């Protein structure tokens, strides 16, 4: 059981919380905040409390249980009291959405995966306000995962668009930091998913020359992409 998720969020006087579909809205004296809820948990507004429960016992549902409850609590706090310097504002959960999307792809649910990757893309601008991503690793990963989801849905044009976006981002990063091993590594990944094997091998060789440990990481990456493409 989630130590955080099991406790309802108290709605203080002067704050209203409304649920419409999968969008939760909190209004207070300091403004209005909205949260798009995951379909992995069930959220209820009853009286002056908001409760969250996982819909299943699956690991991803339990992972989002506490996260959703914490985000709702932060919303209520924000519209009623504001954020003090000591309040830790949770960053957008881009990595969590990517992880959940990849699980869905492996389980043969590309439409669910696509929705989760799109949510990661939607949250990315907020994410980079709090988490440094100078190499744009997160954004490149999102585009690659979107491409794989579209590929599984046989939407070739959309997949090609996302692959082109990933390559352009990765190439731009390498142009600015040609000796950065991680930049070369993610460019190799973009080329590999695009089917440009020779370019992928050249970029990977450059990355490994700078950081030999990336060779083992590449083996894991290949296996991961193979799983995402193959499904169950």
C-alpha atoms as a PDB file:
ATOM      1  CA  UNK A   1       0.000   0.000   0.000  1.00  0.00           C
ATOM      2  CA  UNK A   2       1.244   3.493  -0.826  1.00  0.00           C
ATOM      3  CA  UNK A   3       2.166   5.361   2.341  1.00  0.00           C
ATOM      4  CA  UNK A   4       1.120   8.608   0.632  1.00  0.00           C
ATOM      5  CA  UNK A   5      -1.711   7.509  -1.626  1.00  0.00           C
ATOM      6  CA  UNK A   6      -3.869   5.953   1.090  1.00  0.00           C
ATOM      7  CA  UNK A   7      -4.547   9.316   2.778  1.00  0.00           C
ATOM      8  CA  UNK A   8      -7.294  11.531   1.264  1.00  0.00           C
ATOM      9  CA  UNK A   9      -6.426  15.127   0.404  1.00  0.00           C
ATOM     10  CA  UNK A  10      -8.330  17.577   2.595  1.00  0.00           C
ATOM     11  CA  UNK A  11     -10.030  20.435   0.726  1.00  0.00           C
ATOM     12  CA  UNK A  12      -9.722  23.565   2.888  1.00  0.00           C
ATOM     13  CA  UNK A  13     -12.319  26.321   3.161  1.00  0.00           C
ATOM     14  CA  UNK A  14     -12.219  28.646   0.202  1.00  0.00           C
ATOM     15  CA  UNK A  15     -11.073  25.953  -2.239  1.00  0.00           C
ATOM     16  CA  UNK A  16     -13.270  24.032  -4.666  1.00  0.00           C
ATOM     17  CA  UNK A  17     -12.181  20.866  -6.434  1.00  0.00           C
ATOM     18  CA  UNK A  18     -14.132  19.510  -9.399  1.00  0.00           C
ATOM     19  CA  UNK A  19     -13.667  16.395 -11.492  1.00  0.00           C
ATOM     20  CA  UNK A  20     -14.779  16.388 -15.142  1.00  0.00           C
ATOM     21  CA  UNK A  21     -13.827  13.235 -16.987  1.00  0.00           C
ATOM     22  CA  UNK A  22     -10.117  12.766 -16.381  1.00  0.00           C
ATOM     23  CA  UNK A  23      -9.405  16.432 -15.598  1.00  0.00           C
ATOM     24  CA  UNK A  24      -9.284  17.625 -11.992  1.00  0.00           C
ATOM     25  CA  UNK A  25      -9.587  21.367 -11.339  1.00  0.00           C
ATOM     26  CA  UNK A  26      -8.771  23.179  -8.105  1.00  0.00           C
ATOM     27  CA  UNK A  27      -9.832  26.809  -7.582  1.00  0.00           C
ATOM     28  CA  UNK A  28      -8.873  29.069  -4.718  1.00  0.00           C
ATOM     29  CA  UNK A  29      -8.031  32.640  -3.800  1.00  0.00           C
ATOM     30  CA  UNK A  30      -4.673  32.392  -5.592  1.00  0.00           C
ATOM     31  CA  UNK A  31      -6.006  31.054  -8.875  1.00  0.00           C
ATOM     32  CA  UNK A  32      -6.883  27.844 -10.657  1.00  0.00           C
ATOM     33  CA  UNK A  33      -4.866  24.692 -11.430  1.00  0.00           C
ATOM     34  CA  UNK A  34      -5.781  21.648 -13.493  1.00  0.00           C
ATOM     35  CA  UNK A  35      -4.391  18.121 -13.611  1.00  0.00           C
ATOM     36  CA  UNK A  36      -4.942  15.514 -16.312  1.00  0.00           C
ATOM     37  CA  UNK A  37      -5.364  12.237 -14.442  1.00  0.00           C
ATOM     38  CA  UNK A  38      -3.914   8.903 -15.450  1.00  0.00           C
ATOM     39  CA  UNK A  39      -6.363   6.108 -16.217  1.00  0.00           C
ATOM     40  CA  UNK A  40      -4.409   3.840 -13.870  1.00  0.00           C
ATOM     41  CA  UNK A  41      -6.027   5.246 -10.735  1.00  0.00           C
ATOM     42  CA  UNK A  42      -9.546   6.183  -9.652  1.00  0.00           C
ATOM     43  CA  UNK A  43     -10.005   9.649  -8.188  1.00  0.00           C
ATOM     44  CA  UNK A  44     -13.105  10.686  -6.235  1.00  0.00           C
ATOM     45  CA  UNK A  45     -14.186  14.056  -4.848  1.00  0.00           C
ATOM     46  CA  UNK A  46     -16.456  13.475  -1.853  1.00  0.00           C
ATOM     47  CA  UNK A  47     -17.382  16.304   0.485  1.00  0.00           C
ATOM     48  CA  UNK A  48     -14.208  18.074   1.537  1.00  0.00           C
ATOM     49  CA  UNK A  49     -11.860  15.262   0.540  1.00  0.00           C
ATOM     50  CA  UNK A  50     -10.226  13.893  -2.599  1.00  0.00           C
ATOM     51  CA  UNK A  51      -9.323  10.213  -2.531  1.00  0.00           C
ATOM     52  CA  UNK A  52      -7.152   8.213  -4.922  1.00  0.00           C
ATOM     53  CA  UNK A  53      -7.079   4.443  -5.399  1.00  0.00           C
ATOM     54  CA  UNK A  54      -5.223   2.243  -7.910  1.00  0.00           C
ATOM     55  CA  UNK A  55      -7.575   0.485 -10.323  1.00  0.00           C
ATOM     56  CA  UNK A  56      -5.479  -2.689 -10.358  1.00  0.00           C
ATOM     57  CA  UNK A  57      -2.637  -4.273  -8.422  1.00  0.00           C
ATOM     58  CA  UNK A  58      -0.255  -3.773 -11.348  1.00  0.00           C
ATOM     59  CA  UNK A  59       3.079  -2.149 -10.525  1.00  0.00           C
ATOM     60  CA  UNK A  60       2.488   0.858 -12.762  1.00  0.00           C
ATOM     61  CA  UNK A  61      -0.898   1.559 -11.149  1.00  0.00           C
ATOM     62  CA  UNK A  62       0.599   1.469  -7.675  1.00  0.00           C
ATOM     63  CA  UNK A  63       3.467   3.694  -8.826  1.00  0.00           C
ATOM     64  CA  UNK A  64       1.035   6.371 -10.014  1.00  0.00           C
ATOM     65  CA  UNK A  65      -1.147   6.096  -6.892  1.00  0.00           C
ATOM     66  CA  UNK A  66       1.102   8.062  -4.566  1.00  0.00           C
ATOM     67  CA  UNK A  67       2.260  10.361  -7.378  1.00  0.00           C
ATOM     68  CA  UNK A  68      -1.301  11.396  -8.245  1.00  0.00           C
ATOM     69  CA  UNK A  69      -2.214  11.995  -4.616  1.00  0.00           C
ATOM     70  CA  UNK A  70       0.913  14.139  -4.127  1.00  0.00           C
ATOM     71  CA  UNK A  71       0.151  16.209  -7.233  1.00  0.00           C
ATOM     72  CA  UNK A  72      -3.426  16.841  -6.053  1.00  0.00           C
ATOM     73  CA  UNK A  73      -2.173  17.903  -2.622  1.00  0.00           C
ATOM     74  CA  UNK A  74       0.250  20.332  -4.289  1.00  0.00           C
ATOM     75  CA  UNK A  75      -2.577  21.778  -6.397  1.00  0.00           C
ATOM     76  CA  UNK A  76      -4.758  22.417  -3.341  1.00  0.00           C
ATOM     77  CA  UNK A  77      -1.795  23.951  -1.531  1.00  0.00           C
ATOM     78  CA  UNK A  78      -0.962  26.146  -4.512  1.00  0.00           C
ATOM     79  CA  UNK A  79      -4.412  27.695  -5.001  1.00  0.00           C
ATOM     80  CA  UNK A  80      -4.989  28.281  -1.285  1.00  0.00           C
ATOM     81  CA  UNK A  81      -1.605  29.196   0.223  1.00  0.00           C
ATOM     82  CA  UNK A  82       0.870  29.437  -2.632  1.00  0.00           C
ATOM     83  CA  UNK A  83       4.265  27.762  -2.653  1.00  0.00           C
ATOM     84  CA  UNK A  84       6.784  28.775  -0.024  1.00  0.00           C
ATOM     85  CA  UNK A  85      10.520  28.514  -0.559  1.00  0.00           C
ATOM     86  CA  UNK A  86      10.583  25.357   1.524  1.00  0.00           C
ATOM     87  CA  UNK A  87       7.840  23.579  -0.428  1.00  0.00           C
ATOM     88  CA  UNK A  88       9.198  21.004  -2.847  1.00  0.00           C
ATOM     89  CA  UNK A  89       7.235  21.262  -6.073  1.00  0.00           C
ATOM     90  CA  UNK A  90       7.143  17.898  -7.793  1.00  0.00           C
ATOM     91  CA  UNK A  91       8.568  17.997 -11.334  1.00  0.00           C
ATOM     92  CA  UNK A  92       6.448  16.786 -14.195  1.00  0.00           C
ATOM     93  CA  UNK A  93       6.678  13.021 -14.318  1.00  0.00           C
ATOM     94  CA  UNK A  94       8.016  12.731 -17.846  1.00  0.00           C
ATOM     95  CA  UNK A  95      10.170   9.698 -17.070  1.00  0.00           C
ATOM     96  CA  UNK A  96       7.257   7.955 -15.352  1.00  0.00           C
ATOM     97  CA  UNK A  97       5.031   8.477 -18.401  1.00  0.00           C
ATOM     98  CA  UNK A  98       7.756   7.152 -20.690  1.00  0.00           C
ATOM     99  CA  UNK A  99       8.188   4.093 -18.484  1.00  0.00           C
ATOM    100  CA  UNK A 100       4.452   3.427 -18.391  1.00  0.00           C
ATOM    101  CA  UNK A 101       4.231   3.851 -22.146  1.00  0.00           C
ATOM    102  CA  UNK A 102       7.045   1.394 -22.737  1.00  0.00           C
ATOM    103  CA  UNK A 103       5.332  -1.138 -20.473  1.00  0.00           C
ATOM    104  CA  UNK A 104       2.161  -0.751 -22.536  1.00  0.00           C
ATOM    105  CA  UNK A 105       4.093  -1.291 -25.779  1.00  0.00           C
ATOM    106  CA  UNK A 106       5.660  -4.459 -24.405  1.00  0.00           C
ATOM    107  CA  UNK A 107       2.201  -5.670 -23.367  1.00  0.00           C
ATOM    108  CA  UNK A 108       0.834  -5.118 -26.866  1.00  0.00           C
ATOM    109  CA  UNK A 109      -1.165  -1.953 -26.198  1.00  0.00           C
ATOM    110  CA  UNK A 110       0.278   0.612 -28.642  1.00  0.00           C
ATOM    111  CA  UNK A 111      -2.715   2.972 -28.388  1.00  0.00           C
ATOM    112  CA  UNK A 112      -2.301   3.172 -24.615  1.00  0.00           C
ATOM    113  CA  UNK A 113       1.447   3.618 -25.074  1.00  0.00           C
ATOM    114  CA  UNK A 114       0.903   6.428 -27.573  1.00  0.00           C
ATOM    115  CA  UNK A 115      -1.347   8.315 -25.145  1.00  0.00           C
ATOM    116  CA  UNK A 116       1.281   8.050 -22.421  1.00  0.00           C
ATOM    117  CA  UNK A 117       4.115   9.185 -24.672  1.00  0.00           C
ATOM    118  CA  UNK A 118       1.979  12.128 -25.807  1.00  0.00           C
ATOM    119  CA  UNK A 119       1.423  13.043 -22.151  1.00  0.00           C
ATOM    120  CA  UNK A 120       5.195  12.949 -21.586  1.00  0.00           C
ATOM    121  CA  UNK A 121       5.626  15.330 -24.533  1.00  0.00           C
ATOM    122  CA  UNK A 122       2.922  17.625 -23.159  1.00  0.00           C
ATOM    123  CA  UNK A 123       4.646  17.792 -19.777  1.00  0.00           C
ATOM    124  CA  UNK A 124       8.183  18.209 -21.117  1.00  0.00           C
ATOM    125  CA  UNK A 125       8.227  22.048 -21.167  1.00  0.00           C
ATOM    126  CA  UNK A 126       7.371  22.113 -17.453  1.00  0.00           C
ATOM    127  CA  UNK A 127       9.833  19.298 -16.774  1.00  0.00           C
ATOM    128  CA  UNK A 128      12.841  21.208 -18.165  1.00  0.00           C
ATOM    129  CA  UNK A 129      12.072  24.188 -15.952  1.00  0.00           C
ATOM    130  CA  UNK A 130      13.078  22.036 -12.991  1.00  0.00           C
ATOM    131  CA  UNK A 131      15.375  19.376 -14.417  1.00  0.00           C
ATOM    132  CA  UNK A 132      18.418  20.245 -16.518  1.00  0.00           C
ATOM    133  CA  UNK A 133      18.332  18.557 -19.922  1.00  0.00           C
ATOM    134  CA  UNK A 134      21.035  20.365 -21.844  1.00  0.00           C
ATOM    135  CA  UNK A 135      21.506  17.423 -24.214  1.00  0.00           C
ATOM    136  CA  UNK A 136      17.730  17.185 -24.716  1.00  0.00           C
ATOM    137  CA  UNK A 137      17.939  13.508 -23.864  1.00  0.00           C
ATOM    138  CA  UNK A 138      14.399  13.470 -22.505  1.00  0.00           C
ATOM    139  CA  UNK A 139      12.892  15.101 -25.603  1.00  0.00           C
ATOM    140  CA  UNK A 140      14.796  12.827 -27.978  1.00  0.00           C
ATOM    141  CA  UNK A 141      13.631   9.782 -26.012  1.00  0.00           C
ATOM    142  CA  UNK A 142      10.026  10.969 -26.224  1.00  0.00           C
ATOM    143  CA  UNK A 143      10.190  11.342 -30.008  1.00  0.00           C
ATOM    144  CA  UNK A 144      11.811   7.917 -30.420  1.00  0.00           C
ATOM    145  CA  UNK A 145       9.179   6.269 -28.236  1.00  0.00           C
ATOM    146  CA  UNK A 146       6.400   8.063 -30.130  1.00  0.00           C
ATOM    147  CA  UNK A 147       7.889   6.770 -33.385  1.00  0.00           C
ATOM    148  CA  UNK A 148       7.863   3.200 -32.079  1.00  0.00           C
ATOM    149  CA  UNK A 149       4.239   3.518 -30.975  1.00  0.00           C
ATOM    150  CA  UNK A 150       3.177   4.901 -34.349  1.00  0.00           C
ATOM    151  CA  UNK A 151       5.146   2.140 -36.041  1.00  0.00           C
ATOM    152  CA  UNK A 152       3.221  -0.493 -34.060  1.00  0.00           C
ATOM    153  CA  UNK A 153      -0.032   1.230 -35.069  1.00  0.00           C
ATOM    154  CA  UNK A 154       1.076   1.129 -38.730  1.00  0.00           C
ATOM    155  CA  UNK A 155       0.991   4.915 -38.969  1.00  0.00           C
ATOM    156  CA  UNK A 156       4.102   5.235 -41.110  1.00  0.00           C
ATOM    157  CA  UNK A 157       3.894   8.976 -41.822  1.00  0.00           C
ATOM    158  CA  UNK A 158       3.569   9.825 -38.130  1.00  0.00           C
ATOM    159  CA  UNK A 159       6.425   7.487 -37.245  1.00  0.00           C
ATOM    160  CA  UNK A 160       8.640   9.085 -39.894  1.00  0.00           C
ATOM    161  CA  UNK A 161       7.826  12.554 -38.548  1.00  0.00           C
ATOM    162  CA  UNK A 162       8.823  11.614 -34.999  1.00  0.00           C
ATOM    163  CA  UNK A 163      12.019   9.912 -36.179  1.00  0.00           C
ATOM    164  CA  UNK A 164      12.967  13.007 -38.170  1.00  0.00           C
ATOM    165  CA  UNK A 165      12.385  15.173 -35.084  1.00  0.00           C
ATOM    166  CA  UNK A 166      14.579  12.885 -32.955  1.00  0.00           C
ATOM    167  CA  UNK A 167      17.387  12.877 -35.536  1.00  0.00           C
ATOM    168  CA  UNK A 168      17.317  16.649 -35.989  1.00  0.00           C
ATOM    169  CA  UNK A 169      17.480  17.236 -32.247  1.00  0.00           C
ATOM    170  CA  UNK A 170      20.294  14.727 -31.766  1.00  0.00           C
ATOM    171  CA  UNK A 171      22.281  16.115 -34.710  1.00  0.00           C
ATOM    172  CA  UNK A 172      21.905  19.665 -33.373  1.00  0.00           C
ATOM    173  CA  UNK A 173      23.194  18.594 -29.952  1.00  0.00           C
ATOM    174  CA  UNK A 174      26.217  16.851 -31.497  1.00  0.00           C
ATOM    175  CA  UNK A 175      26.949  19.910 -33.634  1.00  0.00           C
ATOM    176  CA  UNK A 176      27.240  21.953 -30.442  1.00  0.00           C
ATOM    177  CA  UNK A 177      29.119  19.287 -28.444  1.00  0.00           C
ATOM    178  CA  UNK A 178      30.873  16.944 -30.914  1.00  0.00           C
ATOM    179  CA  UNK A 179      33.139  15.404 -28.265  1.00  0.00           C
ATOM    180  CA  UNK A 180      30.357  14.697 -25.778  1.00  0.00           C
ATOM    181  CA  UNK A 181      30.000  10.910 -25.509  1.00  0.00           C
ATOM    182  CA  UNK A 182      26.362  10.962 -24.410  1.00  0.00           C
ATOM    183  CA  UNK A 183      25.428  13.282 -27.282  1.00  0.00           C
ATOM    184  CA  UNK A 184      27.020  10.898 -29.791  1.00  0.00           C
ATOM    185  CA  UNK A 185      25.314   7.954 -28.078  1.00  0.00           C
ATOM    186  CA  UNK A 186      21.826   9.379 -28.366  1.00  0.00           C
ATOM    187  CA  UNK A 187      22.503  10.322 -32.001  1.00  0.00           C
ATOM    188  CA  UNK A 188      23.470   6.679 -32.612  1.00  0.00           C
ATOM    189  CA  UNK A 189      20.162   5.619 -31.042  1.00  0.00           C
ATOM    190  CA  UNK A 190      18.194   7.983 -33.292  1.00  0.00           C
ATOM    191  CA  UNK A 191      19.971   6.666 -36.381  1.00  0.00           C
ATOM    192  CA  UNK A 192      19.526   3.046 -35.297  1.00  0.00           C
ATOM    193  CA  UNK A 193      15.760   3.338 -34.786  1.00  0.00           C
ATOM    194  CA  UNK A 194      15.563   5.120 -38.166  1.00  0.00           C
ATOM    195  CA  UNK A 195      17.290   2.175 -39.828  1.00  0.00           C
ATOM    196  CA  UNK A 196      20.435   4.149 -40.701  1.00  0.00           C
ATOM    197  CA  UNK A 197      22.767   1.449 -39.429  1.00  0.00           C
ATOM    198  CA  UNK A 198      26.073   2.764 -40.810  1.00  0.00           C
ATOM    199  CA  UNK A 199      25.507   6.218 -39.337  1.00  0.00           C
ATOM    200  CA  UNK A 200      24.495   4.611 -36.040  1.00  0.00           C
ATOM    201  CA  UNK A 201      27.686   2.558 -35.942  1.00  0.00           C
ATOM    202  CA  UNK A 202      29.838   5.607 -36.705  1.00  0.00           C
ATOM    203  CA  UNK A 203      28.236   7.676 -33.941  1.00  0.00           C
ATOM    204  CA  UNK A 204      28.438   4.782 -31.504  1.00  0.00           C
ATOM    205  CA  UNK A 205      32.135   4.279 -32.268  1.00  0.00           C
ATOM    206  CA  UNK A 206      32.743   7.955 -31.514  1.00  0.00           C
ATOM    207  CA  UNK A 207      30.810   7.677 -28.248  1.00  0.00           C
ATOM    208  CA  UNK A 208      32.668   4.555 -27.136  1.00  0.00           C
ATOM    209  CA  UNK A 209      36.033   6.163 -27.890  1.00  0.00           C
ATOM    210  CA  UNK A 210      35.117   8.847 -25.362  1.00  0.00           C
ATOM    211  CA  UNK A 211      33.467   6.497 -22.863  1.00  0.00           C
ATOM    212  CA  UNK A 212      34.081   2.755 -23.188  1.00  0.00           C
ATOM    213  CA  UNK A 213      31.269   1.878 -20.762  1.00  0.00           C
ATOM    214  CA  UNK A 214      28.731   2.963 -23.366  1.00  0.00           C
ATOM    215  CA  UNK A 215      29.368  -0.234 -25.328  1.00  0.00           C
ATOM    216  CA  UNK A 216      27.549  -2.292 -22.691  1.00  0.00           C
ATOM    217  CA  UNK A 217      24.832   0.351 -22.443  1.00  0.00           C
ATOM    218  CA  UNK A 218      24.300   0.071 -26.192  1.00  0.00           C
ATOM    219  CA  UNK A 219      23.678  -3.668 -25.925  1.00  0.00           C
ATOM    220  CA  UNK A 220      20.966  -3.011 -23.354  1.00  0.00           C
ATOM    221  CA  UNK A 221      19.480  -0.277 -25.533  1.00  0.00           C
ATOM    222  CA  UNK A 222      19.271  -2.563 -28.568  1.00  0.00           C
ATOM    223  CA  UNK A 223      17.457  -5.193 -26.518  1.00  0.00           C
ATOM    224  CA  UNK A 224      15.055  -2.585 -25.155  1.00  0.00           C
ATOM    225  CA  UNK A 225      14.164  -1.256 -28.617  1.00  0.00           C
ATOM    226  CA  UNK A 226      13.746  -4.819 -29.903  1.00  0.00           C
ATOM    227  CA  UNK A 227      11.278  -5.558 -27.099  1.00  0.00           C
ATOM    228  CA  UNK A 228       9.319  -2.383 -27.775  1.00  0.00           C
ATOM    229  CA  UNK A 229       9.072  -3.212 -31.456  1.00  0.00           C
ATOM    230  CA  UNK A 230       8.154  -6.847 -30.966  1.00  0.00           C
ATOM    231  CA  UNK A 231       5.586  -6.554 -28.179  1.00  0.00           C
ATOM    232  CA  UNK A 232       4.319  -9.620 -26.282  1.00  0.00           C
END
